[in-house]
């Protein structure tokens, strides 16, 4: 039997997590990354601004800015949360965590993240 690489998954089942996520989404109801791109997304759009076709993906998520890796103080810190649409949370943010920088590009095609290798 393979061990779960994310043993902190149980934290997401706590009532405090649900309450924290609900408060975050009430405080910041729009996707932070989409706002940077210039449009408001309450989950009804994709990260590109097109209408979200999948009903299951029409929501926003409370995302941990600094990955907690099981640190409960960081996990339950309301200042460590941002609101993201499913595309940004499930795809773009995961890629950013994996590589250490965002792949997002400006209108000129150049990477926006100062941590991107092209900006060093």
N, C-alpha and C. Protein backbone atom coordinates (compact mmCIF):
# COMPACT_ATOMS: atom_id res chain seq x y z
N UNK A 1 0.84 -1.19 0.00
CA UNK A 1 0.00 0.00 0.00
C UNK A 1 0.88 1.26 0.00
N UNK A 2 0.58 2.17 -0.92
CA UNK A 2 1.38 3.38 -1.06
C UNK A 2 0.93 4.43 -0.06
N UNK A 3 1.91 5.11 0.54
CA UNK A 3 1.61 6.15 1.52
C UNK A 3 1.21 7.45 0.81
N UNK A 4 0.24 8.15 1.36
CA UNK A 4 -0.23 9.41 0.78
C UNK A 4 0.90 10.45 0.89
N UNK A 5 1.31 11.06 -0.23
CA UNK A 5 2.36 12.07 -0.17
C UNK A 5 1.90 13.37 0.48
N UNK A 6 0.60 13.48 0.73
CA UNK A 6 0.04 14.69 1.36
C UNK A 6 -0.74 14.28 2.62
N UNK A 7 -0.05 13.94 3.68
CA UNK A 7 -0.73 13.47 4.89
C UNK A 7 -1.58 14.52 5.59
N UNK A 8 -1.50 15.76 5.15
CA UNK A 8 -2.27 16.84 5.77
C UNK A 8 -3.67 16.98 5.18
N UNK A 9 -4.07 16.11 4.26
CA UNK A 9 -5.37 16.21 3.61
C UNK A 9 -6.52 16.26 4.63
N UNK A 10 -6.33 15.64 5.78
CA UNK A 10 -7.38 15.63 6.81
C UNK A 10 -7.74 17.04 7.29
N UNK A 11 -6.81 17.99 7.16
CA UNK A 11 -7.09 19.35 7.61
C UNK A 11 -8.25 19.98 6.83
N UNK A 12 -8.39 19.59 5.57
CA UNK A 12 -9.45 20.14 4.73
C UNK A 12 -10.85 19.69 5.16
N UNK A 13 -10.92 18.66 5.98
CA UNK A 13 -12.22 18.14 6.43
C UNK A 13 -12.70 18.80 7.72
N UNK A 14 -11.88 19.63 8.30
CA UNK A 14 -12.25 20.29 9.55
C UNK A 14 -13.23 21.43 9.29
N UNK A 15 -14.11 21.62 10.22
CA UNK A 15 -15.09 22.70 10.14
C UNK A 15 -14.40 24.06 10.06
N UNK A 16 -13.29 24.20 10.78
CA UNK A 16 -12.55 25.47 10.77
C UNK A 16 -12.06 25.80 9.37
N UNK A 17 -11.71 24.79 8.60
CA UNK A 17 -11.26 25.01 7.22
C UNK A 17 -12.41 25.51 6.36
N UNK A 18 -13.56 24.90 6.49
CA UNK A 18 -14.74 25.32 5.73
C UNK A 18 -15.12 26.75 6.08
N UNK A 19 -15.11 27.07 7.37
CA UNK A 19 -15.44 28.43 7.82
C UNK A 19 -14.44 29.45 7.30
N UNK A 20 -13.16 29.09 7.30
CA UNK A 20 -12.10 29.97 6.83
C UNK A 20 -12.25 30.23 5.33
N UNK A 21 -12.52 29.18 4.58
CA UNK A 21 -12.70 29.31 3.13
C UNK A 21 -13.92 30.18 2.82
N UNK A 22 -14.98 29.98 3.54
CA UNK A 22 -16.21 30.77 3.33
C UNK A 22 -15.94 32.25 3.62
N UNK A 23 -15.22 32.53 4.70
CA UNK A 23 -14.90 33.91 5.05
C UNK A 23 -13.99 34.55 3.99
N UNK A 24 -13.03 33.77 3.48
CA UNK A 24 -12.13 34.28 2.44
C UNK A 24 -12.91 34.65 1.18
N UNK A 25 -13.81 33.77 0.76
CA UNK A 25 -14.58 34.02 -0.46
C UNK A 25 -15.57 35.18 -0.28
N UNK A 26 -16.02 35.42 0.94
CA UNK A 26 -16.89 36.57 1.20
C UNK A 26 -16.08 37.86 1.16
N UNK A 27 -14.85 37.80 1.68
CA UNK A 27 -13.97 38.97 1.72
C UNK A 27 -13.44 39.30 0.32
N UNK A 28 -13.12 38.27 -0.46
CA UNK A 28 -12.54 38.42 -1.79
C UNK A 28 -13.29 37.50 -2.75
N UNK A 29 -14.44 37.92 -3.30
CA UNK A 29 -15.27 37.00 -4.09
C UNK A 29 -14.80 36.75 -5.53
N UNK A 30 -13.78 37.49 -5.96
CA UNK A 30 -13.31 37.34 -7.35
C UNK A 30 -11.90 36.76 -7.41
N UNK A 31 -11.61 36.07 -8.50
CA UNK A 31 -10.30 35.46 -8.70
C UNK A 31 -9.22 36.53 -8.78
N UNK A 32 -8.22 36.40 -7.92
CA UNK A 32 -7.13 37.38 -7.86
C UNK A 32 -6.33 37.41 -9.16
N UNK A 33 -6.05 36.25 -9.73
CA UNK A 33 -5.26 36.19 -10.96
C UNK A 33 -6.03 36.77 -12.15
N UNK A 34 -7.33 36.49 -12.22
CA UNK A 34 -8.14 37.04 -13.31
C UNK A 34 -8.21 38.56 -13.21
N UNK A 35 -8.30 39.10 -12.00
CA UNK A 35 -8.31 40.54 -11.83
C UNK A 35 -7.01 41.15 -12.37
N UNK A 36 -5.89 40.46 -12.16
CA UNK A 36 -4.60 40.93 -12.70
C UNK A 36 -4.63 40.95 -14.23
N UNK A 37 -5.40 40.01 -14.81
CA UNK A 37 -5.52 39.95 -16.27
C UNK A 37 -6.48 41.00 -16.82
N UNK A 38 -7.23 41.63 -15.91
CA UNK A 38 -8.10 42.71 -16.35
C UNK A 38 -9.58 42.40 -16.42
N UNK A 39 -10.01 41.28 -15.86
CA UNK A 39 -11.45 41.00 -15.84
C UNK A 39 -11.85 40.36 -14.52
N UNK A 40 -13.11 40.59 -14.16
CA UNK A 40 -13.66 40.06 -12.91
C UNK A 40 -14.22 38.67 -13.16
N UNK A 41 -13.81 37.72 -12.34
CA UNK A 41 -14.28 36.34 -12.48
C UNK A 41 -14.74 35.80 -11.14
N UNK A 42 -16.03 35.56 -11.04
CA UNK A 42 -16.60 34.99 -9.82
C UNK A 42 -16.71 33.46 -9.94
N UNK A 43 -16.01 32.90 -10.91
CA UNK A 43 -16.07 31.46 -11.15
C UNK A 43 -16.91 31.11 -12.36
N UNK A 44 -17.60 32.09 -12.91
CA UNK A 44 -18.46 31.82 -14.07
C UNK A 44 -17.67 31.83 -15.38
N UNK A 45 -16.36 32.20 -15.30
CA UNK A 45 -15.51 32.25 -16.48
C UNK A 45 -14.29 31.34 -16.31
N UNK A 46 -13.64 31.04 -17.41
CA UNK A 46 -12.36 30.33 -17.35
C UNK A 46 -11.27 31.37 -17.11
N UNK A 47 -10.04 30.92 -16.92
CA UNK A 47 -8.93 31.85 -16.71
C UNK A 47 -8.65 32.69 -17.94
N UNK A 48 -9.13 32.26 -19.10
CA UNK A 48 -8.93 33.05 -20.32
C UNK A 48 -10.06 34.07 -20.53
N UNK A 49 -11.09 34.00 -19.70
CA UNK A 49 -12.21 34.94 -19.80
C UNK A 49 -13.41 34.41 -20.54
N UNK A 50 -13.31 33.19 -21.07
CA UNK A 50 -14.44 32.56 -21.77
C UNK A 50 -15.45 32.04 -20.75
N UNK A 51 -16.71 31.92 -21.12
CA UNK A 51 -17.69 31.35 -20.19
C UNK A 51 -17.29 29.93 -19.75
N UNK A 52 -17.46 29.66 -18.49
CA UNK A 52 -17.12 28.33 -17.94
C UNK A 52 -18.23 27.36 -18.33
N UNK A 53 -17.90 26.40 -19.17
CA UNK A 53 -18.89 25.44 -19.67
C UNK A 53 -19.28 24.41 -18.62
N UNK A 54 -18.34 24.00 -17.81
CA UNK A 54 -18.60 22.96 -16.82
C UNK A 54 -19.26 23.54 -15.57
N UNK A 55 -20.45 23.07 -15.25
CA UNK A 55 -21.16 23.55 -14.06
C UNK A 55 -20.37 23.24 -12.79
N UNK A 56 -19.62 22.14 -12.80
CA UNK A 56 -18.86 21.72 -11.62
C UNK A 56 -17.67 22.64 -11.34
N UNK A 57 -17.28 23.44 -12.33
CA UNK A 57 -16.13 24.34 -12.16
C UNK A 57 -16.56 25.81 -12.03
N UNK A 58 -17.84 26.06 -11.83
CA UNK A 58 -18.33 27.43 -11.66
C UNK A 58 -18.32 27.80 -10.18
N UNK A 59 -17.14 28.07 -9.68
CA UNK A 59 -16.97 28.46 -8.28
C UNK A 59 -15.61 29.11 -8.14
N UNK A 60 -15.30 29.61 -6.99
CA UNK A 60 -13.95 30.09 -6.68
C UNK A 60 -13.45 29.29 -5.48
N UNK A 61 -12.13 29.24 -5.33
CA UNK A 61 -11.52 28.46 -4.26
C UNK A 61 -10.63 29.35 -3.41
N UNK A 62 -10.57 29.04 -2.13
CA UNK A 62 -9.63 29.71 -1.23
C UNK A 62 -8.31 28.95 -1.34
N UNK A 63 -7.27 29.63 -1.78
CA UNK A 63 -5.97 29.02 -2.03
C UNK A 63 -4.93 29.54 -1.04
N UNK A 64 -4.05 28.66 -0.59
CA UNK A 64 -2.96 29.06 0.30
C UNK A 64 -1.85 29.71 -0.52
N UNK A 65 -1.51 30.93 -0.20
CA UNK A 65 -0.48 31.67 -0.92
C UNK A 65 0.87 30.98 -0.72
N UNK A 66 1.23 30.76 0.53
CA UNK A 66 2.44 30.02 0.86
C UNK A 66 2.00 28.59 1.15
N UNK A 67 2.51 27.60 0.40
CA UNK A 67 2.10 26.21 0.64
C UNK A 67 2.37 25.81 2.10
N UNK A 68 1.36 25.24 2.75
CA UNK A 68 1.46 24.94 4.18
C UNK A 68 2.18 23.63 4.48
N UNK A 69 2.11 22.66 3.61
CA UNK A 69 2.76 21.34 3.78
C UNK A 69 2.47 20.73 5.16
N UNK A 70 1.27 21.00 5.67
CA UNK A 70 0.86 20.40 6.93
C UNK A 70 1.05 21.29 8.15
N UNK A 71 1.68 22.44 7.99
CA UNK A 71 1.86 23.38 9.11
C UNK A 71 0.50 23.99 9.42
N UNK A 72 -0.07 23.60 10.56
CA UNK A 72 -1.43 24.04 10.90
C UNK A 72 -1.55 25.54 11.10
N UNK A 73 -0.51 26.18 11.63
CA UNK A 73 -0.56 27.63 11.83
C UNK A 73 -0.67 28.33 10.46
N UNK A 74 0.09 27.86 9.50
CA UNK A 74 0.05 28.43 8.15
C UNK A 74 -1.26 28.05 7.44
N UNK A 75 -1.71 26.83 7.66
CA UNK A 75 -2.94 26.35 7.05
C UNK A 75 -4.14 27.21 7.46
N UNK A 76 -4.25 27.52 8.74
CA UNK A 76 -5.41 28.25 9.26
C UNK A 76 -5.19 29.76 9.35
N UNK A 77 -4.11 30.27 8.77
CA UNK A 77 -3.82 31.71 8.77
C UNK A 77 -4.65 32.40 7.69
N UNK A 78 -5.61 33.25 8.06
CA UNK A 78 -6.45 33.91 7.04
C UNK A 78 -5.66 34.85 6.14
N UNK A 79 -4.51 35.32 6.59
CA UNK A 79 -3.69 36.21 5.76
C UNK A 79 -2.89 35.42 4.72
N UNK A 80 -2.95 34.11 4.78
CA UNK A 80 -2.24 33.26 3.82
C UNK A 80 -3.19 32.72 2.76
N UNK A 81 -4.31 33.39 2.56
CA UNK A 81 -5.30 32.92 1.58
C UNK A 81 -5.53 33.94 0.48
N UNK A 82 -5.85 33.42 -0.69
CA UNK A 82 -6.28 34.24 -1.82
C UNK A 82 -7.38 33.47 -2.53
N UNK A 83 -8.21 34.18 -3.26
CA UNK A 83 -9.32 33.55 -3.97
C UNK A 83 -8.91 33.35 -5.43
N UNK A 84 -9.11 32.12 -5.93
CA UNK A 84 -8.76 31.80 -7.31
C UNK A 84 -9.90 31.03 -7.98
N UNK A 85 -10.03 31.19 -9.30
CA UNK A 85 -10.97 30.38 -10.07
C UNK A 85 -10.38 28.98 -10.22
N UNK A 86 -11.16 27.99 -10.58
CA UNK A 86 -10.64 26.62 -10.71
C UNK A 86 -9.47 26.49 -11.69
N UNK A 87 -9.51 27.20 -12.81
CA UNK A 87 -8.40 27.11 -13.76
C UNK A 87 -7.10 27.58 -13.12
N UNK A 88 -7.15 28.72 -12.45
CA UNK A 88 -5.94 29.23 -11.83
C UNK A 88 -5.51 28.38 -10.64
N UNK A 89 -6.46 27.90 -9.86
CA UNK A 89 -6.12 27.07 -8.71
C UNK A 89 -5.58 25.71 -9.12
N UNK A 90 -6.27 25.04 -10.03
CA UNK A 90 -5.93 23.65 -10.37
C UNK A 90 -4.81 23.52 -11.39
N UNK A 91 -4.61 24.53 -12.20
CA UNK A 91 -3.61 24.41 -13.26
C UNK A 91 -2.46 25.39 -13.07
N UNK A 92 -2.75 26.66 -13.18
CA UNK A 92 -1.70 27.67 -13.18
C UNK A 92 -0.96 27.75 -11.84
N UNK A 93 -1.69 27.72 -10.75
CA UNK A 93 -1.06 27.81 -9.42
C UNK A 93 -0.21 26.56 -9.14
N UNK A 94 -0.71 25.39 -9.52
CA UNK A 94 0.05 24.16 -9.30
C UNK A 94 1.36 24.19 -10.09
N UNK A 95 1.30 24.67 -11.33
CA UNK A 95 2.51 24.81 -12.15
C UNK A 95 3.49 25.78 -11.51
N UNK A 96 2.95 26.86 -10.98
CA UNK A 96 3.78 27.88 -10.32
C UNK A 96 4.49 27.28 -9.11
N UNK A 97 3.78 26.49 -8.31
CA UNK A 97 4.40 25.85 -7.14
C UNK A 97 5.47 24.85 -7.57
N UNK A 98 5.21 24.13 -8.63
CA UNK A 98 6.15 23.12 -9.11
C UNK A 98 7.44 23.74 -9.63
N UNK A 99 7.32 24.81 -10.42
CA UNK A 99 8.49 25.42 -11.05
C UNK A 99 9.12 26.54 -10.23
N UNK A 100 8.36 27.14 -9.32
CA UNK A 100 8.89 28.23 -8.52
C UNK A 100 8.67 29.60 -9.14
N UNK A 101 7.95 29.64 -10.23
CA UNK A 101 7.64 30.91 -10.88
C UNK A 101 6.40 30.73 -11.75
N UNK A 102 5.75 31.86 -12.06
CA UNK A 102 4.56 31.85 -12.90
C UNK A 102 4.95 31.84 -14.37
N UNK A 103 4.16 31.14 -15.18
CA UNK A 103 4.38 31.10 -16.62
C UNK A 103 3.60 32.22 -17.33
N UNK A 104 2.83 33.00 -16.57
CA UNK A 104 1.96 34.01 -17.17
C UNK A 104 2.76 35.06 -17.92
N UNK A 105 2.22 35.46 -19.05
CA UNK A 105 2.90 36.41 -19.93
C UNK A 105 2.03 37.64 -20.16
N UNK A 106 2.70 38.75 -20.39
CA UNK A 106 2.01 40.00 -20.67
C UNK A 106 1.58 40.06 -22.12
N UNK A 107 0.94 41.16 -22.53
CA UNK A 107 0.46 41.32 -23.91
C UNK A 107 1.59 41.21 -24.94
N UNK A 108 2.83 41.55 -24.52
CA UNK A 108 3.97 41.47 -25.43
C UNK A 108 4.57 40.07 -25.50
N UNK A 109 4.02 39.14 -24.70
CA UNK A 109 4.52 37.76 -24.71
C UNK A 109 5.66 37.51 -23.73
N UNK A 110 6.11 38.54 -23.03
CA UNK A 110 7.21 38.39 -22.08
C UNK A 110 6.68 37.95 -20.72
N UNK A 111 7.39 37.05 -20.00
CA UNK A 111 6.94 36.59 -18.68
C UNK A 111 6.80 37.74 -17.68
N UNK A 112 5.71 37.73 -16.93
CA UNK A 112 5.44 38.79 -15.96
C UNK A 112 6.14 38.58 -14.62
N UNK A 113 6.37 37.33 -14.25
CA UNK A 113 6.93 37.01 -12.94
C UNK A 113 8.43 37.32 -12.91
N UNK A 114 8.87 38.17 -11.97
CA UNK A 114 10.30 38.49 -11.89
C UNK A 114 11.15 37.26 -11.55
N UNK A 115 10.51 36.21 -11.01
CA UNK A 115 11.25 34.98 -10.69
C UNK A 115 11.45 34.08 -11.92
N UNK A 116 10.77 34.41 -13.02
CA UNK A 116 10.90 33.61 -14.24
C UNK A 116 12.33 33.70 -14.76
N UNK A 117 12.92 32.59 -15.20
CA UNK A 117 14.32 32.59 -15.68
C UNK A 117 14.60 33.66 -16.75
N UNK A 118 13.63 34.00 -17.57
CA UNK A 118 13.85 34.99 -18.62
C UNK A 118 14.06 36.39 -18.04
N UNK A 119 13.63 36.61 -16.80
CA UNK A 119 13.75 37.92 -16.17
C UNK A 119 14.94 38.02 -15.21
N UNK A 120 15.79 37.05 -15.25
CA UNK A 120 16.97 37.10 -14.33
C UNK A 120 18.16 37.68 -15.02
